[in-house]
Amino acid sequence: VLDLCERDPALDHALLTYVVGTIGHRLRSARTRLL
């Protein structure tokens, strides 16, 4: 997938935008759950 993203910048942008949103959500979930 990383190799494909290197060849396809639009896919790279869409995928990484989604992943960054997922990371943010999971970090908030972890913080809330641990509290």
PDB file of all heavy atoms in Angstrom:
ATOM      1  N   VAL A   1       0.843  -1.207   0.000  1.00  0.00           N
ATOM      2  CA  VAL A   1       0.000   0.000   0.000  1.00  0.00           C
ATOM      3  C   VAL A   1       0.872   1.248   0.000  1.00  0.00           C
ATOM      4  O   VAL A   1       0.585   2.206  -0.734  1.00  0.00           O
ATOM      5  CB  VAL A   1      -0.989  -0.019   1.187  1.00  0.00           C
ATOM      6  CG1 VAL A   1      -1.727   1.306   1.294  1.00  0.00           C
ATOM      7  CG2 VAL A   1      -1.963  -1.180   1.041  1.00  0.00           C
ATOM      8  N   LEU A   2       1.937   1.259   0.782  1.00  0.00           N
ATOM      9  CA  LEU A   2       2.849   2.407   0.780  1.00  0.00           C
ATOM     10  C   LEU A   2       3.464   2.612  -0.604  1.00  0.00           C
ATOM     11  O   LEU A   2       3.588   3.756  -1.065  1.00  0.00           O
ATOM     12  CB  LEU A   2       3.937   2.218   1.836  1.00  0.00           C
ATOM     13  CG  LEU A   2       3.465   2.316   3.291  1.00  0.00           C
ATOM     14  CD1 LEU A   2       4.557   1.831   4.238  1.00  0.00           C
ATOM     15  CD2 LEU A   2       3.015   3.724   3.631  1.00  0.00           C
ATOM     16  N   ASP A   3       3.823   1.524  -1.284  1.00  0.00           N
ATOM     17  CA  ASP A   3       4.368   1.626  -2.645  1.00  0.00           C
ATOM     18  C   ASP A   3       3.323   2.190  -3.604  1.00  0.00           C
ATOM     19  O   ASP A   3       3.637   3.048  -4.439  1.00  0.00           O
ATOM     20  CB  ASP A   3       4.847   0.261  -3.138  1.00  0.00           C
ATOM     21  CG  ASP A   3       6.079  -0.254  -2.395  1.00  0.00           C
ATOM     22  OD1 ASP A   3       6.751   0.537  -1.687  1.00  0.00           O
ATOM     23  OD2 ASP A   3       6.354  -1.472  -2.500  1.00  0.00           O
ATOM     24  N   LEU A   4       2.083   1.734  -3.485  1.00  0.00           N
ATOM     25  CA  LEU A   4       1.007   2.247  -4.324  1.00  0.00           C
ATOM     26  C   LEU A   4       0.794   3.743  -4.058  1.00  0.00           C
ATOM     27  O   LEU A   4       0.626   4.533  -4.995  1.00  0.00           O
ATOM     28  CB  LEU A   4      -0.290   1.468  -4.082  1.00  0.00           C
ATOM     29  CG  LEU A   4      -1.528   1.957  -4.827  1.00  0.00           C
ATOM     30  CD1 LEU A   4      -1.327   1.888  -6.339  1.00  0.00           C
ATOM     31  CD2 LEU A   4      -2.752   1.145  -4.406  1.00  0.00           C
ATOM     32  N   CYS A   5       0.809   4.120  -2.799  1.00  0.00           N
ATOM     33  CA  CYS A   5       0.619   5.529  -2.443  1.00  0.00           C
ATOM     34  C   CYS A   5       1.730   6.411  -3.009  1.00  0.00           C
ATOM     35  O   CYS A   5       1.479   7.552  -3.397  1.00  0.00           O
ATOM     36  CB  CYS A   5       0.548   5.685  -0.930  1.00  0.00           C
ATOM     37  SG  CYS A   5      -1.008   5.109  -0.223  1.00  0.00           S
ATOM     38  N   GLU A   6       2.932   5.887  -3.077  1.00  0.00           N
ATOM     39  CA  GLU A   6       4.041   6.639  -3.651  1.00  0.00           C
ATOM     40  C   GLU A   6       3.782   6.939  -5.127  1.00  0.00           C
ATOM     41  O   GLU A   6       4.152   8.002  -5.631  1.00  0.00           O
ATOM     42  CB  GLU A   6       5.339   5.851  -3.486  1.00  0.00           C
ATOM     43  CG  GLU A   6       6.583   6.660  -3.778  1.00  0.00           C
ATOM     44  CD  GLU A   6       7.839   5.904  -3.412  1.00  0.00           C
ATOM     45  OE1 GLU A   6       7.946   5.428  -2.269  1.00  0.00           O
ATOM     46  OE2 GLU A   6       8.709   5.785  -4.299  1.00  0.00           O
ATOM     47  N   ARG A   7       3.129   6.017  -5.820  1.00  0.00           N
ATOM     48  CA  ARG A   7       2.823   6.192  -7.244  1.00  0.00           C
ATOM     49  C   ARG A   7       1.513   6.946  -7.480  1.00  0.00           C
ATOM     50  O   ARG A   7       1.252   7.384  -8.600  1.00  0.00           O
ATOM     51  CB  ARG A   7       2.745   4.827  -7.932  1.00  0.00           C
ATOM     52  CG  ARG A   7       4.037   4.045  -7.932  1.00  0.00           C
ATOM     53  CD  ARG A   7       3.944   2.754  -8.750  1.00  0.00           C
ATOM     54  NE  ARG A   7       2.832   1.880  -8.396  1.00  0.00           N
ATOM     55  CZ  ARG A   7       2.867   0.915  -7.469  1.00  0.00           C
ATOM     56  NH1 ARG A   7       3.957   0.708  -6.770  1.00  0.00           N
ATOM     57  NH2 ARG A   7       1.810   0.165  -7.235  1.00  0.00           N
ATOM     58  N   ASP A   8       0.668   7.045  -6.449  1.00  0.00           N
ATOM     59  CA  ASP A   8      -0.663   7.624  -6.597  1.00  0.00           C
ATOM     60  C   ASP A   8      -0.901   8.661  -5.492  1.00  0.00           C
ATOM     61  O   ASP A   8      -1.461   8.349  -4.448  1.00  0.00           O
ATOM     62  CB  ASP A   8      -1.711   6.504  -6.521  1.00  0.00           C
ATOM     63  CG  ASP A   8      -3.116   6.970  -6.814  1.00  0.00           C
ATOM     64  OD1 ASP A   8      -3.395   8.189  -6.726  1.00  0.00           O
ATOM     65  OD2 ASP A   8      -3.964   6.104  -7.117  1.00  0.00           O
ATOM     66  N   PRO A   9      -0.449   9.912  -5.719  1.00  0.00           N
ATOM     67  CA  PRO A   9      -0.565  10.936  -4.678  1.00  0.00           C
ATOM     68  C   PRO A   9      -2.000  11.197  -4.201  1.00  0.00           C
ATOM     69  O   PRO A   9      -2.211  11.506  -3.031  1.00  0.00           O
ATOM     70  CB  PRO A   9       0.026  12.186  -5.334  1.00  0.00           C
ATOM     71  CG  PRO A   9       0.909  11.670  -6.415  1.00  0.00           C
ATOM     72  CD  PRO A   9       0.262  10.400  -6.900  1.00  0.00           C
ATOM     73  N   ALA A  10      -2.987  11.060  -5.069  1.00  0.00           N
ATOM     74  CA  ALA A  10      -4.375  11.290  -4.642  1.00  0.00           C
ATOM     75  C   ALA A  10      -4.819  10.213  -3.662  1.00  0.00           C
ATOM     76  O   ALA A  10      -5.484  10.511  -2.658  1.00  0.00           O
ATOM     77  CB  ALA A  10      -5.303  11.329  -5.854  1.00  0.00           C
ATOM     78  N   LEU A  11      -4.469   8.975  -3.921  1.00  0.00           N
ATOM     79  CA  LEU A  11      -4.769   7.897  -2.981  1.00  0.00           C
ATOM     80  C   LEU A  11      -4.009   8.117  -1.681  1.00  0.00           C
ATOM     81  O   LEU A  11      -4.566   7.964  -0.590  1.00  0.00           O
ATOM     82  CB  LEU A  11      -4.416   6.530  -3.573  1.00  0.00           C
ATOM     83  CG  LEU A  11      -4.528   5.343  -2.605  1.00  0.00           C
ATOM     84  CD1 LEU A  11      -5.956   5.186  -2.093  1.00  0.00           C
ATOM     85  CD2 LEU A  11      -4.036   4.060  -3.254  1.00  0.00           C
ATOM     86  N   ASP A  12      -2.744   8.472  -1.783  1.00  0.00           N
ATOM     87  CA  ASP A  12      -1.914   8.736  -0.609  1.00  0.00           C
ATOM     88  C   ASP A  12      -2.583   9.789   0.275  1.00  0.00           C
ATOM     89  O   ASP A  12      -2.720   9.597   1.487  1.00  0.00           O
ATOM     90  CB  ASP A  12      -0.529   9.199  -1.054  1.00  0.00           C
ATOM     91  CG  ASP A  12       0.429   9.409   0.097  1.00  0.00           C
ATOM     92  OD1 ASP A  12       0.631   8.474   0.889  1.00  0.00           O
ATOM     93  OD2 ASP A  12       1.004  10.514   0.190  1.00  0.00           O
ATOM     94  N   HIS A  13      -3.010  10.883  -0.328  1.00  0.00           N
ATOM     95  CA  HIS A  13      -3.651  11.962   0.438  1.00  0.00           C
ATOM     96  C   HIS A  13      -4.944  11.483   1.095  1.00  0.00           C
ATOM     97  O   HIS A  13      -5.168  11.723   2.288  1.00  0.00           O
ATOM     98  CB  HIS A  13      -3.919  13.166  -0.463  1.00  0.00           C
ATOM     99  CG  HIS A  13      -4.606  14.275   0.250  1.00  0.00           C
ATOM    100  ND1 HIS A  13      -3.960  15.107   1.129  1.00  0.00           N
ATOM    101  CD2 HIS A  13      -5.908  14.660   0.238  1.00  0.00           C
ATOM    102  CE1 HIS A  13      -4.826  15.970   1.633  1.00  0.00           C
ATOM    103  NE2 HIS A  13      -6.011  15.729   1.103  1.00  0.00           N
ATOM    104  N   ALA A  14      -5.793  10.820   0.338  1.00  0.00           N
ATOM    105  CA  ALA A  14      -7.071  10.356   0.887  1.00  0.00           C
ATOM    106  C   ALA A  14      -6.857   9.343   2.013  1.00  0.00           C
ATOM    107  O   ALA A  14      -7.495   9.418   3.069  1.00  0.00           O
ATOM    108  CB  ALA A  14      -7.926   9.742  -0.225  1.00  0.00           C
ATOM    109  N   LEU A  15      -5.949   8.404   1.801  1.00  0.00           N
ATOM    110  CA  LEU A  15      -5.687   7.371   2.799  1.00  0.00           C
ATOM    111  C   LEU A  15      -5.075   7.972   4.059  1.00  0.00           C
ATOM    112  O   LEU A  15      -5.526   7.692   5.181  1.00  0.00           O
ATOM    113  CB  LEU A  15      -4.773   6.298   2.213  1.00  0.00           C
ATOM    114  CG  LEU A  15      -4.433   5.121   3.113  1.00  0.00           C
ATOM    115  CD1 LEU A  15      -5.690   4.375   3.546  1.00  0.00           C
ATOM    116  CD2 LEU A  15      -3.481   4.160   2.399  1.00  0.00           C
ATOM    117  N   LEU A  16      -4.063   8.819   3.898  1.00  0.00           N
ATOM    118  CA  LEU A  16      -3.412   9.394   5.072  1.00  0.00           C
ATOM    119  C   LEU A  16      -4.320  10.368   5.813  1.00  0.00           C
ATOM    120  O   LEU A  16      -4.259  10.452   7.044  1.00  0.00           O
ATOM    121  CB  LEU A  16      -2.094  10.047   4.685  1.00  0.00           C
ATOM    122  CG  LEU A  16      -1.010   9.059   4.250  1.00  0.00           C
ATOM    123  CD1 LEU A  16       0.283   9.776   3.908  1.00  0.00           C
ATOM    124  CD2 LEU A  16      -0.774   7.974   5.288  1.00  0.00           C
ATOM    125  N   THR A  17      -5.180  11.074   5.113  1.00  0.00           N
ATOM    126  CA  THR A  17      -6.154  11.933   5.787  1.00  0.00           C
ATOM    127  C   THR A  17      -7.071  11.088   6.663  1.00  0.00           C
ATOM    128  O   THR A  17      -7.351  11.443   7.816  1.00  0.00           O
ATOM    129  CB  THR A  17      -6.970  12.737   4.757  1.00  0.00           C
ATOM    130  OG1 THR A  17      -6.075  13.583   4.029  1.00  0.00           O
ATOM    131  CG2 THR A  17      -8.048  13.574   5.420  1.00  0.00           C
ATOM    132  N   TYR A  18      -7.515   9.959   6.147  1.00  0.00           N
ATOM    133  CA  TYR A  18      -8.370   9.062   6.930  1.00  0.00           C
ATOM    134  C   TYR A  18      -7.604   8.485   8.124  1.00  0.00           C
ATOM    135  O   TYR A  18      -8.119   8.446   9.250  1.00  0.00           O
ATOM    136  CB  TYR A  18      -8.921   7.942   6.052  1.00  0.00           C
ATOM    137  CG  TYR A  18      -9.904   7.077   6.800  1.00  0.00           C
ATOM    138  CD1 TYR A  18     -11.231   7.468   6.935  1.00  0.00           C
ATOM    139  CD2 TYR A  18      -9.493   5.891   7.402  1.00  0.00           C
ATOM    140  CE1 TYR A  18     -12.128   6.693   7.640  1.00  0.00           C
ATOM    141  CE2 TYR A  18     -10.397   5.115   8.111  1.00  0.00           C
ATOM    142  CZ  TYR A  18     -11.708   5.514   8.223  1.00  0.00           C
ATOM    143  OH  TYR A  18     -12.590   4.745   8.938  1.00  0.00           O
ATOM    144  N   VAL A  19      -6.372   8.058   7.893  1.00  0.00           N
ATOM    145  CA  VAL A  19      -5.568   7.466   8.968  1.00  0.00           C
ATOM    146  C   VAL A  19      -5.305   8.491  10.073  1.00  0.00           C
ATOM    147  O   VAL A  19      -5.419   8.177  11.259  1.00  0.00           O
ATOM    148  CB  VAL A  19      -4.246   6.875   8.417  1.00  0.00           C
ATOM    149  CG1 VAL A  19      -3.295   6.499   9.547  1.00  0.00           C
ATOM    150  CG2 VAL A  19      -4.539   5.653   7.552  1.00  0.00           C
ATOM    151  N   VAL A  20      -4.979   9.723   9.717  1.00  0.00           N
ATOM    152  CA  VAL A  20      -4.736  10.760  10.720  1.00  0.00           C
ATOM    153  C   VAL A  20      -5.993  11.004  11.559  1.00  0.00           C
ATOM    154  O   VAL A  20      -5.913  11.141  12.789  1.00  0.00           O
ATOM    155  CB  VAL A  20      -4.227  12.063  10.065  1.00  0.00           C
ATOM    156  CG1 VAL A  20      -4.274  13.232  11.018  1.00  0.00           C
ATOM    157  CG2 VAL A  20      -2.818  11.863   9.539  1.00  0.00           C
ATOM    158  N   GLY A  21      -7.146  11.020  10.922  1.00  0.00           N
ATOM    159  CA  GLY A  21      -8.398  11.156  11.674  1.00  0.00           C
ATOM    160  C   GLY A  21      -8.618   9.994  12.630  1.00  0.00           C
ATOM    161  O   GLY A  21      -9.072  10.165  13.763  1.00  0.00           O
ATOM    162  N   THR A  22      -8.269   8.797  12.167  1.00  0.00           N
ATOM    163  CA  THR A  22      -8.385   7.600  13.008  1.00  0.00           C
ATOM    164  C   THR A  22      -7.448   7.693  14.202  1.00  0.00           C
ATOM    165  O   THR A  22      -7.830   7.389  15.337  1.00  0.00           O
ATOM    166  CB  THR A  22      -8.084   6.332  12.183  1.00  0.00           C
ATOM    167  OG1 THR A  22      -9.060   6.235  11.141  1.00  0.00           O
ATOM    168  CG2 THR A  22      -8.124   5.079  13.033  1.00  0.00           C
ATOM    169  N   ILE A  23      -6.214   8.131  13.970  1.00  0.00           N
ATOM    170  CA  ILE A  23      -5.242   8.279  15.057  1.00  0.00           C
ATOM    171  C   ILE A  23      -5.776   9.258  16.108  1.00  0.00           C
ATOM    172  O   ILE A  23      -5.743   8.974  17.309  1.00  0.00           O
ATOM    173  CB  ILE A  23      -3.875   8.742  14.519  1.00  0.00           C
ATOM    174  CG1 ILE A  23      -3.236   7.655  13.667  1.00  0.00           C
ATOM    175  CG2 ILE A  23      -2.949   9.141  15.669  1.00  0.00           C
ATOM    176  CD1 ILE A  23      -1.999   8.124  12.885  1.00  0.00           C
ATOM    177  N   GLY A  24      -6.270  10.392  15.659  1.00  0.00           N
ATOM    178  CA  GLY A  24      -6.819  11.381  16.590  1.00  0.00           C
ATOM    179  C   GLY A  24      -7.961  10.814  17.411  1.00  0.00           C
ATOM    180  O   GLY A  24      -8.021  10.998  18.638  1.00  0.00           O
ATOM    181  N   HIS A  25      -8.860  10.120  16.749  1.00  0.00           N
ATOM    182  CA  HIS A  25      -9.996   9.520  17.448  1.00  0.00           C
ATOM    183  C   HIS A  25      -9.533   8.498  18.482  1.00  0.00           C
ATOM    184  O   HIS A  25      -9.998   8.474  19.615  1.00  0.00           O
ATOM    185  CB  HIS A  25     -10.950   8.868  16.453  1.00  0.00           C
ATOM    186  CG  HIS A  25     -12.043   8.098  17.098  1.00  0.00           C
ATOM    187  ND1 HIS A  25     -13.161   8.703  17.630  1.00  0.00           N
ATOM    188  CD2 HIS A  25     -12.172   6.776  17.349  1.00  0.00           C
ATOM    189  CE1 HIS A  25     -13.935   7.777  18.168  1.00  0.00           C
ATOM    190  NE2 HIS A  25     -13.350   6.598  18.007  1.00  0.00           N
ATOM    191  N   ARG A  26      -8.583   7.642  18.094  1.00  0.00           N
ATOM    192  CA  ARG A  26      -8.100   6.606  19.012  1.00  0.00           C
ATOM    193  C   ARG A  26      -7.356   7.209  20.198  1.00  0.00           C
ATOM    194  O   ARG A  26      -7.446   6.713  21.319  1.00  0.00           O
ATOM    195  CB  ARG A  26      -7.232   5.597  18.262  1.00  0.00           C
ATOM    196  CG  ARG A  26      -7.983   4.927  17.113  1.00  0.00           C
ATOM    197  CD  ARG A  26      -8.364   3.499  17.341  1.00  0.00           C
ATOM    198  NE  ARG A  26      -9.361   3.059  16.381  1.00  0.00           N
ATOM    199  CZ  ARG A  26      -9.092   2.494  15.206  1.00  0.00           C
ATOM    200  NH1 ARG A  26      -7.836   2.258  14.859  1.00  0.00           N
ATOM    201  NH2 ARG A  26     -10.073   2.133  14.397  1.00  0.00           N
ATOM    202  N   LEU A  27      -6.605   8.279  19.970  1.00  0.00           N
ATOM    203  CA  LEU A  27      -5.917   8.938  21.082  1.00  0.00           C
ATOM    204  C   LEU A  27      -6.919   9.535  22.070  1.00  0.00           C
ATOM    205  O   LEU A  27      -6.744   9.425  23.290  1.00  0.00           O
ATOM    206  CB  LEU A  27      -4.968  10.018  20.568  1.00  0.00           C
ATOM    207  CG  LEU A  27      -3.709   9.507  19.876  1.00  0.00           C
ATOM    208  CD1 LEU A  27      -2.946  10.667  19.242  1.00  0.00           C
ATOM    209  CD2 LEU A  27      -2.815   8.754  20.853  1.00  0.00           C
ATOM    210  N   ARG A  28      -7.978  10.151  21.570  1.00  0.00           N
ATOM    211  CA  ARG A  28      -9.020  10.690  22.460  1.00  0.00           C
ATOM    212  C   ARG A  28      -9.705   9.566  23.221  1.00  0.00           C
ATOM    213  O   ARG A  28      -9.963   9.681  24.427  1.00  0.00           O
ATOM    214  CB  ARG A  28     -10.039  11.499  21.656  1.00  0.00           C
ATOM    215  CG  ARG A  28      -9.519  12.857  21.217  1.00  0.00           C
ATOM    216  CD  ARG A  28     -10.603  13.721  20.577  1.00  0.00           C
ATOM    217  NE  ARG A  28     -11.210  13.111  19.400  1.00  0.00           N
ATOM    218  CZ  ARG A  28     -10.692  13.158  18.174  1.00  0.00           C
ATOM    219  NH1 ARG A  28      -9.554  13.782  17.958  1.00  0.00           N
ATOM    220  NH2 ARG A  28     -11.315  12.600  17.163  1.00  0.00           N
ATOM    221  N   SER A  29      -9.985   8.453  22.525  1.00  0.00           N
ATOM    222  CA  SER A  29     -10.608   7.304  23.189  1.00  0.00           C
ATOM    223  C   SER A  29      -9.712   6.751  24.282  1.00  0.00           C
ATOM    224  O   SER A  29     -10.183   6.415  25.378  1.00  0.00           O
ATOM    225  CB  SER A  29     -10.923   6.195  22.178  1.00  0.00           C
ATOM    226  OG  SER A  29     -11.911   6.611  21.280  1.00  0.00           O
ATOM    227  N   ALA A  30      -8.411   6.644  24.000  1.00  0.00           N
ATOM    228  CA  ALA A  30      -7.469   6.115  24.986  1.00  0.00           C
ATOM    229  C   ALA A  30      -7.410   7.024  26.210  1.00  0.00           C
ATOM    230  O   ALA A  30      -7.453   6.556  27.348  1.00  0.00           O
ATOM    231  CB  ALA A  30      -6.082   5.958  24.369  1.00  0.00           C
ATOM    232  N   ARG A  31      -7.332   8.301  25.973  1.00  0.00           N
ATOM    233  CA  ARG A  31      -7.267   9.253  27.087  1.00  0.00           C
ATOM    234  C   ARG A  31      -8.514   9.157  27.956  1.00  0.00           C
ATOM    235  O   ARG A  31      -8.435   9.051  29.176  1.00  0.00           O
ATOM    236  CB  ARG A  31      -7.108  10.675  26.554  1.00  0.00           C
ATOM    237  CG  ARG A  31      -7.062  11.722  27.636  1.00  0.00           C
ATOM    238  CD  ARG A  31      -6.923  13.133  27.028  1.00  0.00           C
ATOM    239  NE  ARG A  31      -6.879  14.124  28.054  1.00  0.00           N
ATOM    240  CZ  ARG A  31      -7.955  14.688  28.594  1.00  0.00           C
ATOM    241  NH1 ARG A  31      -9.155  14.363  28.189  1.00  0.00           N
ATOM    242  NH2 ARG A  31      -7.830  15.587  29.541  1.00  0.00           N
ATOM    243  N   THR A  32      -9.668   9.165  27.323  1.00  0.00           N
ATOM    244  CA  THR A  32     -10.926   9.099  28.065  1.00  0.00           C
ATOM    245  C   THR A  32     -11.037   7.795  28.838  1.00  0.00           C
ATOM    246  O   THR A  32     -11.400   7.790  30.024  1.00  0.00           O
ATOM    247  CB  THR A  32     -12.117   9.247  27.096  1.00  0.00           C
ATOM    248  OG1 THR A  32     -12.012  10.513  26.440  1.00  0.00           O
ATOM    249  CG2 THR A  32     -13.438   9.165  27.832  1.00  0.00           C
ATOM    250  N   ARG A  33     -10.721   6.692  28.195  1.00  0.00           N
ATOM    251  CA  ARG A  33     -10.831   5.378  28.854  1.00  0.00           C
ATOM    252  C   ARG A  33      -9.866   5.259  30.026  1.00  0.00           C
ATOM    253  O   ARG A  33     -10.226   4.765  31.088  1.00  0.00           O
ATOM    254  CB  ARG A  33     -10.586   4.268  27.833  1.00  0.00           C
ATOM    255  CG  ARG A  33     -10.723   2.893  28.397  1.00  0.00           C
ATOM    256  CD  ARG A  33     -12.169   2.597  28.767  1.00  0.00           C
ATOM    257  NE  ARG A  33     -12.248   1.210  29.158  1.00  0.00           N
ATOM    258  CZ  ARG A  33     -12.906   0.768  30.214  1.00  0.00           C
ATOM    259  NH1 ARG A  33     -13.596   1.603  30.951  1.00  0.00           N
ATOM    260  NH2 ARG A  33     -12.914  -0.506  30.500  1.00  0.00           N
ATOM    261  N   LEU A  34      -8.637   5.716  29.848  1.00  0.00           N
ATOM    262  CA  LEU A  34      -7.663   5.629  30.934  1.00  0.00           C
ATOM    263  C   LEU A  34      -8.050   6.539  32.103  1.00  0.00           C
ATOM    264  O   LEU A  34      -7.857   6.179  33.263  1.00  0.00           O
ATOM    265  CB  LEU A  34      -6.257   5.932  30.433  1.00  0.00           C
ATOM    266  CG  LEU A  34      -5.692   4.859  29.493  1.00  0.00           C
ATOM    267  CD1 LEU A  34      -4.362   5.295  28.910  1.00  0.00           C
ATOM    268  CD2 LEU A  34      -5.571   3.516  30.199  1.00  0.00           C
ATOM    269  N   LEU A  35      -8.613   7.706  31.823  1.00  0.00           N
ATOM    270  CA  LEU A  35      -9.117   8.556  32.902  1.00  0.00           C
ATOM    271  C   LEU A  35     -10.266   7.869  33.634  1.00  0.00           C
ATOM    272  O   LEU A  35     -10.347   7.913  34.862  1.00  0.00           O
ATOM    273  CB  LEU A  35      -9.572   9.914  32.369  1.00  0.00           C
ATOM    274  CG  LEU A  35      -8.467  10.911  32.057  1.00  0.00           C
ATOM    275  CD1 LEU A  35      -9.052  12.141  31.357  1.00  0.00           C
ATOM    276  CD2 LEU A  35      -7.725  11.313  33.312  1.00  0.00           C
TER     277      LEU A  35
END
